PDB file of all heavy atoms in Angstrom:
ATOM      1  N   PRO A   1     200.974 -43.387   9.795  1.00  0.00           N
ATOM      2  CA  PRO A   1     200.952 -42.941   8.397  1.00  0.00           C
ATOM      3  C   PRO A   1     201.212 -44.080   7.427  1.00  0.00           C
ATOM      4  O   PRO A   1     201.971 -45.002   7.723  1.00  0.00           O
ATOM      5  CB  PRO A   1     202.089 -41.914   8.338  1.00  0.00           C
ATOM      6  CG  PRO A   1     203.035 -42.359   9.401  1.00  0.00           C
ATOM      7  CD  PRO A   1     202.190 -42.982  10.489  1.00  0.00           C
ATOM      8  N   ALA A   2     200.573 -43.997   6.272  1.00  0.00           N
ATOM      9  CA  ALA A   2     200.930 -44.887   5.159  1.00  0.00           C
ATOM     10  C   ALA A   2     202.351 -44.515   4.748  1.00  0.00           C
ATOM     11  O   ALA A   2     202.822 -43.393   5.011  1.00  0.00           O
ATOM     12  CB  ALA A   2     199.955 -44.686   4.005  1.00  0.00           C
ATOM     13  N   ALA A   3     203.038 -45.424   4.102  1.00  0.00           N
ATOM     14  CA  ALA A   3     204.430 -45.163   3.700  1.00  0.00           C
ATOM     15  C   ALA A   3     204.554 -43.862   2.916  1.00  0.00           C
ATOM     16  O   ALA A   3     205.497 -43.086   3.121  1.00  0.00           O
ATOM     17  CB  ALA A   3     204.968 -46.333   2.890  1.00  0.00           C
ATOM     18  N   SER A   4     203.594 -43.590   2.064  1.00  0.00           N
ATOM     19  CA  SER A   4     203.657 -42.382   1.235  1.00  0.00           C
ATOM     20  C   SER A   4     203.409 -41.095   2.025  1.00  0.00           C
ATOM     21  O   SER A   4     203.642 -40.008   1.516  1.00  0.00           O
ATOM     22  CB  SER A   4     202.646 -42.476   0.090  1.00  0.00           C
ATOM     23  OG  SER A   4     201.332 -42.591   0.602  1.00  0.00           O
ATOM     24  N   HIS A   5     202.976 -41.226   3.270  1.00  0.00           N
ATOM     25  CA  HIS A   5     202.671 -40.051   4.092  1.00  0.00           C
ATOM     26  C   HIS A   5     203.629 -39.868   5.270  1.00  0.00           C
ATOM     27  O   HIS A   5     203.450 -38.955   6.073  1.00  0.00           O
ATOM     28  CB  HIS A   5     201.247 -40.149   4.645  1.00  0.00           C
ATOM     29  CG  HIS A   5     200.200 -40.233   3.596  1.00  0.00           C
ATOM     30  ND1 HIS A   5     199.075 -41.004   3.740  1.00  0.00           N
ATOM     31  CD2 HIS A   5     200.111 -39.663   2.377  1.00  0.00           C
ATOM     32  CE1 HIS A   5     198.332 -40.896   2.663  1.00  0.00           C
ATOM     33  NE2 HIS A   5     198.937 -40.092   1.818  1.00  0.00           N
ATOM     34  N   GLU A   6     204.635 -40.719   5.380  1.00  0.00           N
ATOM     35  CA  GLU A   6     205.519 -40.661   6.553  1.00  0.00           C
ATOM     36  C   GLU A   6     206.228 -39.319   6.698  1.00  0.00           C
ATOM     37  O   GLU A   6     206.251 -38.745   7.775  1.00  0.00           O
ATOM     38  CB  GLU A   6     206.524 -41.807   6.519  1.00  0.00           C
ATOM     39  CG  GLU A   6     205.901 -43.122   6.895  1.00  0.00           C
ATOM     40  CD  GLU A   6     206.901 -44.256   6.969  1.00  0.00           C
ATOM     41  OE1 GLU A   6     208.130 -43.999   6.959  1.00  0.00           O
ATOM     42  OE2 GLU A   6     206.449 -45.404   7.040  1.00  0.00           O
ATOM     43  N   GLU A   7     206.809 -38.828   5.639  1.00  0.00           N
ATOM     44  CA  GLU A   7     207.541 -37.563   5.721  1.00  0.00           C
ATOM     45  C   GLU A   7     206.603 -36.409   6.074  1.00  0.00           C
ATOM     46  O   GLU A   7     206.897 -35.599   6.956  1.00  0.00           O
ATOM     47  CB  GLU A   7     208.269 -37.264   4.413  1.00  0.00           C
ATOM     48  CG  GLU A   7     209.123 -36.008   4.489  1.00  0.00           C
ATOM     49  CD  GLU A   7     209.901 -35.768   3.204  1.00  0.00           C
ATOM     50  OE1 GLU A   7     210.066 -36.681   2.382  1.00  0.00           O
ATOM     51  OE2 GLU A   7     210.357 -34.622   3.034  1.00  0.00           O
ATOM     52  N   ALA A   8     205.468 -36.334   5.410  1.00  0.00           N
ATOM     53  CA  ALA A   8     204.503 -35.266   5.687  1.00  0.00           C
ATOM     54  C   ALA A   8     203.997 -35.361   7.119  1.00  0.00           C
ATOM     55  O   ALA A   8     203.819 -34.338   7.790  1.00  0.00           O
ATOM     56  CB  ALA A   8     203.339 -35.332   4.708  1.00  0.00           C
ATOM     57  N   SER A   9     203.788 -36.566   7.608  1.00  0.00           N
ATOM     58  CA  SER A   9     203.326 -36.756   8.983  1.00  0.00           C
ATOM     59  C   SER A   9     204.351 -36.222   9.976  1.00  0.00           C
ATOM     60  O   SER A   9     204.014 -35.490  10.908  1.00  0.00           O
ATOM     61  CB  SER A   9     203.070 -38.250   9.239  1.00  0.00           C
ATOM     62  OG  SER A   9     202.727 -38.471  10.579  1.00  0.00           O
ATOM     63  N   ARG A  10     205.616 -36.576   9.774  1.00  0.00           N
ATOM     64  CA  ARG A  10     206.694 -36.079  10.647  1.00  0.00           C
ATOM     65  C   ARG A  10     206.767 -34.554  10.615  1.00  0.00           C
ATOM     66  O   ARG A  10     206.884 -33.895  11.649  1.00  0.00           O
ATOM     67  CB  ARG A  10     208.031 -36.666  10.207  1.00  0.00           C
ATOM     68  CG  ARG A  10     208.496 -37.817  11.038  1.00  0.00           C
ATOM     69  CD  ARG A  10     209.938 -38.208  10.737  1.00  0.00           C
ATOM     70  NE  ARG A  10     210.224 -38.469   9.332  1.00  0.00           N
ATOM     71  CZ  ARG A  10     209.922 -39.594   8.704  1.00  0.00           C
ATOM     72  NH1 ARG A  10     209.344 -40.567   9.342  1.00  0.00           N
ATOM     73  NH2 ARG A  10     210.214 -39.752   7.427  1.00  0.00           N
ATOM     74  N   GLU A  11     206.689 -33.988   9.408  1.00  0.00           N
ATOM     75  CA  GLU A  11     206.758 -32.529   9.266  1.00  0.00           C
ATOM     76  C   GLU A  11     205.608 -31.843  10.005  1.00  0.00           C
ATOM     77  O   GLU A  11     205.804 -30.827  10.677  1.00  0.00           O
ATOM     78  CB  GLU A  11     206.741 -32.140   7.788  1.00  0.00           C
ATOM     79  CG  GLU A  11     208.020 -32.484   7.056  1.00  0.00           C
ATOM     80  CD  GLU A  11     207.910 -32.281   5.555  1.00  0.00           C
ATOM     81  OE1 GLU A  11     206.828 -31.877   5.051  1.00  0.00           O
ATOM     82  OE2 GLU A  11     208.918 -32.528   4.865  1.00  0.00           O
ATOM     83  N   ARG A  12     204.419 -32.386   9.883  1.00  0.00           N
ATOM     84  CA  ARG A  12     203.252 -31.766  10.520  1.00  0.00           C
ATOM     85  C   ARG A  12     203.289 -31.910  12.041  1.00  0.00           C
ATOM     86  O   ARG A  12     202.899 -31.010  12.758  1.00  0.00           O
ATOM     87  CB  ARG A  12     201.975 -32.321   9.927  1.00  0.00           C
ATOM     88  CG  ARG A  12     201.758 -31.703   8.536  1.00  0.00           C
ATOM     89  CD  ARG A  12     200.584 -32.269   7.805  1.00  0.00           C
ATOM     90  NE  ARG A  12     200.377 -31.615   6.529  1.00  0.00           N
ATOM     91  CZ  ARG A  12     201.043 -31.867   5.419  1.00  0.00           C
ATOM     92  NH1 ARG A  12     202.030 -32.738   5.434  1.00  0.00           N
ATOM     93  NH2 ARG A  12     200.761 -31.249   4.291  1.00  0.00           N
ATOM     94  N   LEU A  13     203.764 -33.050  12.528  1.00  0.00           N
ATOM     95  CA  LEU A  13     203.916 -33.214  13.971  1.00  0.00           C
ATOM     96  C   LEU A  13     204.963 -32.251  14.517  1.00  0.00           C
ATOM     97  O   LEU A  13     204.783 -31.661  15.583  1.00  0.00           O
ATOM     98  CB  LEU A  13     204.265 -34.658  14.316  1.00  0.00           C
ATOM     99  CG  LEU A  13     203.123 -35.646  14.212  1.00  0.00           C
ATOM    100  CD1 LEU A  13     203.642 -37.084  14.304  1.00  0.00           C
ATOM    101  CD2 LEU A  13     202.084 -35.380  15.290  1.00  0.00           C
ATOM    102  N   ASP A  14     206.054 -32.082  13.782  1.00  0.00           N
ATOM    103  CA  ASP A  14     207.082 -31.126  14.193  1.00  0.00           C
ATOM    104  C   ASP A  14     206.525 -29.703  14.181  1.00  0.00           C
ATOM    105  O   ASP A  14     206.791 -28.913  15.090  1.00  0.00           O
ATOM    106  CB  ASP A  14     208.320 -31.218  13.298  1.00  0.00           C
ATOM    107  CG  ASP A  14     209.104 -32.502  13.518  1.00  0.00           C
ATOM    108  OD1 ASP A  14     208.894 -33.161  14.559  1.00  0.00           O
ATOM    109  OD2 ASP A  14     209.912 -32.851  12.632  1.00  0.00           O
ATOM    110  N   ALA A  15     205.726 -29.366  13.162  1.00  0.00           N
ATOM    111  CA  ALA A  15     205.123 -28.037  13.082  1.00  0.00           C
ATOM    112  C   ALA A  15     204.145 -27.819  14.233  1.00  0.00           C
ATOM    113  O   ALA A  15     204.102 -26.730  14.816  1.00  0.00           O
ATOM    114  CB  ALA A  15     204.417 -27.855  11.735  1.00  0.00           C
ATOM    115  N   LEU A  16     203.378 -28.845  14.581  1.00  0.00           N
ATOM    116  CA  LEU A  16     202.442 -28.732  15.708  1.00  0.00           C
ATOM    117  C   LEU A  16     203.186 -28.403  16.996  1.00  0.00           C
ATOM    118  O   LEU A  16     202.719 -27.596  17.804  1.00  0.00           O
ATOM    119  CB  LEU A  16     201.649 -30.029  15.882  1.00  0.00           C
ATOM    120  CG  LEU A  16     200.743 -30.104  17.115  1.00  0.00           C
ATOM    121  CD1 LEU A  16     199.632 -29.064  17.050  1.00  0.00           C
ATOM    122  CD2 LEU A  16     200.170 -31.501  17.274  1.00  0.00           C
ATOM    123  N   SER A  17     204.360 -28.995  17.161  1.00  0.00           N
ATOM    124  CA  SER A  17     205.124 -28.764  18.392  1.00  0.00           C
ATOM    125  C   SER A  17     205.593 -27.320  18.526  1.00  0.00           C
ATOM    126  O   SER A  17     205.985 -26.893  19.604  1.00  0.00           O
ATOM    127  CB  SER A  17     206.322 -29.720  18.468  1.00  0.00           C
ATOM    128  OG  SER A  17     207.295 -29.366  17.514  1.00  0.00           O
ATOM    129  N   GLN A  18     205.522 -26.544  17.450  1.00  0.00           N
ATOM    130  CA  GLN A  18     205.945 -25.150  17.462  1.00  0.00           C
ATOM    131  C   GLN A  18     204.777 -24.177  17.632  1.00  0.00           C
ATOM    132  O   GLN A  18     204.971 -22.966  17.593  1.00  0.00           O
ATOM    133  CB  GLN A  18     206.691 -24.817  16.167  1.00  0.00           C
ATOM    134  CG  GLN A  18     207.886 -25.709  15.903  1.00  0.00           C
ATOM    135  CD  GLN A  18     208.910 -25.659  17.017  1.00  0.00           C
ATOM    136  OE1 GLN A  18     209.263 -24.590  17.496  1.00  0.00           O
ATOM    137  NE2 GLN A  18     209.381 -26.820  17.458  1.00  0.00           N
ATOM    138  N   THR A  19     203.563 -24.686  17.826  1.00  0.00           N
ATOM    139  CA  THR A  19     202.387 -23.825  17.934  1.00  0.00           C
ATOM    140  C   THR A  19     201.938 -23.690  19.378  1.00  0.00           C
ATOM    141  O   THR A  19     202.360 -24.451  20.253  1.00  0.00           O
ATOM    142  CB  THR A  19     201.202 -24.400  17.115  1.00  0.00           C
ATOM    143  OG1 THR A  19     200.748 -25.607  17.739  1.00  0.00           O
ATOM    144  CG2 THR A  19     201.607 -24.665  15.670  1.00  0.00           C
ATOM    145  N   ALA A  20     201.052 -22.734  19.628  1.00  0.00           N
ATOM    146  CA  ALA A  20     200.484 -22.557  20.960  1.00  0.00           C
ATOM    147  C   ALA A  20     199.675 -23.780  21.379  1.00  0.00           C
ATOM    148  O   ALA A  20     199.560 -24.085  22.569  1.00  0.00           O
ATOM    149  CB  ALA A  20     199.599 -21.309  20.988  1.00  0.00           C
ATOM    150  N   SER A  21     199.118 -24.514  20.439  1.00  0.00           N
ATOM    151  CA  SER A  21     198.327 -25.715  20.741  1.00  0.00           C
ATOM    152  C   SER A  21     199.183 -26.847  21.285  1.00  0.00           C
ATOM    153  O   SER A  21     198.656 -27.792  21.877  1.00  0.00           O
ATOM    154  CB  SER A  21     197.609 -26.200  19.484  1.00  0.00           C
ATOM    155  OG  SER A  21     196.715 -25.231  19.020  1.00  0.00           O
ATOM    156  N   ALA A  22     200.472 -26.770  21.100  1.00  0.00           N
ATOM    157  CA  ALA A  22     201.361 -27.850  21.530  1.00  0.00           C
ATOM    158  C   ALA A  22     201.277 -28.112  23.022  1.00  0.00           C
ATOM    159  O   ALA A  22     201.476 -29.246  23.465  1.00  0.00           O
ATOM    160  CB  ALA A  22     202.802 -27.538  21.134  1.00  0.00           C
ATOM    161  N   THR A  23     200.956 -27.107  23.810  1.00  0.00           N
ATOM    162  CA  THR A  23     200.887 -27.294  25.257  1.00  0.00           C
ATOM    163  C   THR A  23     199.723 -28.182  25.680  1.00  0.00           C
ATOM    164  O   THR A  23     199.707 -28.689  26.798  1.00  0.00           O
ATOM    165  CB  THR A  23     200.782 -25.942  25.982  1.00  0.00           C
ATOM    166  OG1 THR A  23     199.597 -25.282  25.535  1.00  0.00           O
ATOM    167  CG2 THR A  23     202.005 -25.081  25.721  1.00  0.00           C
ATOM    168  N   ALA A  24     198.750 -28.397  24.801  1.00  0.00           N
ATOM    169  CA  ALA A  24     197.601 -29.244  25.122  1.00  0.00           C
ATOM    170  C   ALA A  24     197.922 -30.730  24.958  1.00  0.00           C
ATOM    171  O   ALA A  24     197.181 -31.580  25.437  1.00  0.00           O
ATOM    172  CB  ALA A  24     196.412 -28.879  24.229  1.00  0.00           C
ATOM    173  N   PHE A  25     199.041 -31.044  24.299  1.00  0.00           N
ATOM    174  CA  PHE A  25     199.387 -32.434  23.998  1.00  0.00           C
ATOM    175  C   PHE A  25     200.723 -32.806  24.603  1.00  0.00           C
ATOM    176  O   PHE A  25     201.641 -31.998  24.658  1.00  0.00           O
ATOM    177  CB  PHE A  25     199.498 -32.643  22.482  1.00  0.00           C
ATOM    178  CG  PHE A  25     198.213 -32.504  21.748  1.00  0.00           C
ATOM    179  CD1 PHE A  25     197.856 -31.292  21.180  1.00  0.00           C
ATOM    180  CD2 PHE A  25     197.352 -33.569  21.622  1.00  0.00           C
ATOM    181  CE1 PHE A  25     196.668 -31.152  20.488  1.00  0.00           C
ATOM    182  CE2 PHE A  25     196.153 -33.449  20.931  1.00  0.00           C
ATOM    183  CZ  PHE A  25     195.819 -32.238  20.364  1.00  0.00           C
ATOM    184  N   ASP A  26     200.829 -34.075  25.007  1.00  0.00           N
ATOM    185  CA  ASP A  26     202.114 -34.676  25.332  1.00  0.00           C
ATOM    186  C   ASP A  26     202.458 -35.565  24.156  1.00  0.00           C
ATOM    187  O   ASP A  26     201.701 -36.480  23.829  1.00  0.00           O
ATOM    188  CB  ASP A  26     202.028 -35.543  26.590  1.00  0.00           C
ATOM    189  CG  ASP A  26     201.778 -34.743  27.850  1.00  0.00           C
ATOM    190  OD1 ASP A  26     202.134 -33.561  27.883  1.00  0.00           O
ATOM    191  OD2 ASP A  26     201.208 -35.317  28.793  1.00  0.00           O
ATOM    192  N   ARG A  27     203.564 -35.274  23.494  1.00  0.00           N
ATOM    193  CA  ARG A  27     204.009 -36.142  22.399  1.00  0.00           C
ATOM    194  C   ARG A  27     204.976 -37.147  22.975  1.00  0.00           C
ATOM    195  O   ARG A  27     206.043 -36.783  23.461  1.00  0.00           O
ATOM    196  CB  ARG A  27     204.669 -35.333  21.291  1.00  0.00           C
ATOM    197  CG  ARG A  27     205.084 -36.217  20.127  1.00  0.00           C
ATOM    198  CD  ARG A  27     205.565 -35.394  18.968  1.00  0.00           C
ATOM    199  NE  ARG A  27     206.051 -36.261  17.920  1.00  0.00           N
ATOM    200  CZ  ARG A  27     206.702 -35.813  16.866  1.00  0.00           C
ATOM    201  NH1 ARG A  27     206.927 -34.531  16.718  1.00  0.00           N
ATOM    202  NH2 ARG A  27     207.113 -36.653  15.953  1.00  0.00           N
ATOM    203  N   THR A  28     204.587 -38.383  22.943  1.00  0.00           N
ATOM    204  CA  THR A  28     205.377 -39.430  23.565  1.00  0.00           C
ATOM    205  C   THR A  28     206.525 -39.820  22.654  1.00  0.00           C
ATOM    206  O   THR A  28     206.306 -40.421  21.603  1.00  0.00           O
ATOM    207  CB  THR A  28     204.500 -40.671  23.851  1.00  0.00           C
ATOM    208  OG1 THR A  28     203.363 -40.254  24.598  1.00  0.00           O
ATOM    209  CG2 THR A  28     205.272 -41.713  24.623  1.00  0.00           C
ATOM    210  N   PRO A  29     207.749 -39.452  23.029  1.00  0.00           N
ATOM    211  CA  PRO A  29     208.887 -39.855  22.202  1.00  0.00           C
ATOM    212  C   PRO A  29     209.177 -41.336  22.403  1.00  0.00           C
ATOM    213  O   PRO A  29     208.946 -41.877  23.472  1.00  0.00           O
ATOM    214  CB  PRO A  29     210.035 -38.997  22.729  1.00  0.00           C
ATOM    215  CG  PRO A  29     209.651 -38.667  24.116  1.00  0.00           C
ATOM    216  CD  PRO A  29     208.151 -38.669  24.169  1.00  0.00           C
ATOM    217  N   ASP A  30     209.630 -41.984  21.375  1.00  0.00           N
ATOM    218  CA  ASP A  30     209.953 -43.398  21.464  1.00  0.00           C
ATOM    219  C   ASP A  30     210.761 -43.765  20.249  1.00  0.00           C
ATOM    220  O   ASP A  30     210.277 -43.637  19.138  1.00  0.00           O
ATOM    221  CB  ASP A  30     208.673 -44.218  21.502  1.00  0.00           C
ATOM    222  CG  ASP A  30     208.919 -45.663  21.894  1.00  0.00           C
ATOM    223  OD1 ASP A  30     210.023 -46.170  21.674  1.00  0.00           O
ATOM    224  OD2 ASP A  30     207.997 -46.266  22.408  1.00  0.00           O
TER     225      ASP A  30
END
């Protein structure tokens, strides 16, 4: 994300992890 999009990016990734689609992805923590 661009600096101006960092917060929105984090929020959307967190929201994705709460959906049924989340099982299709491995989110690599680091």
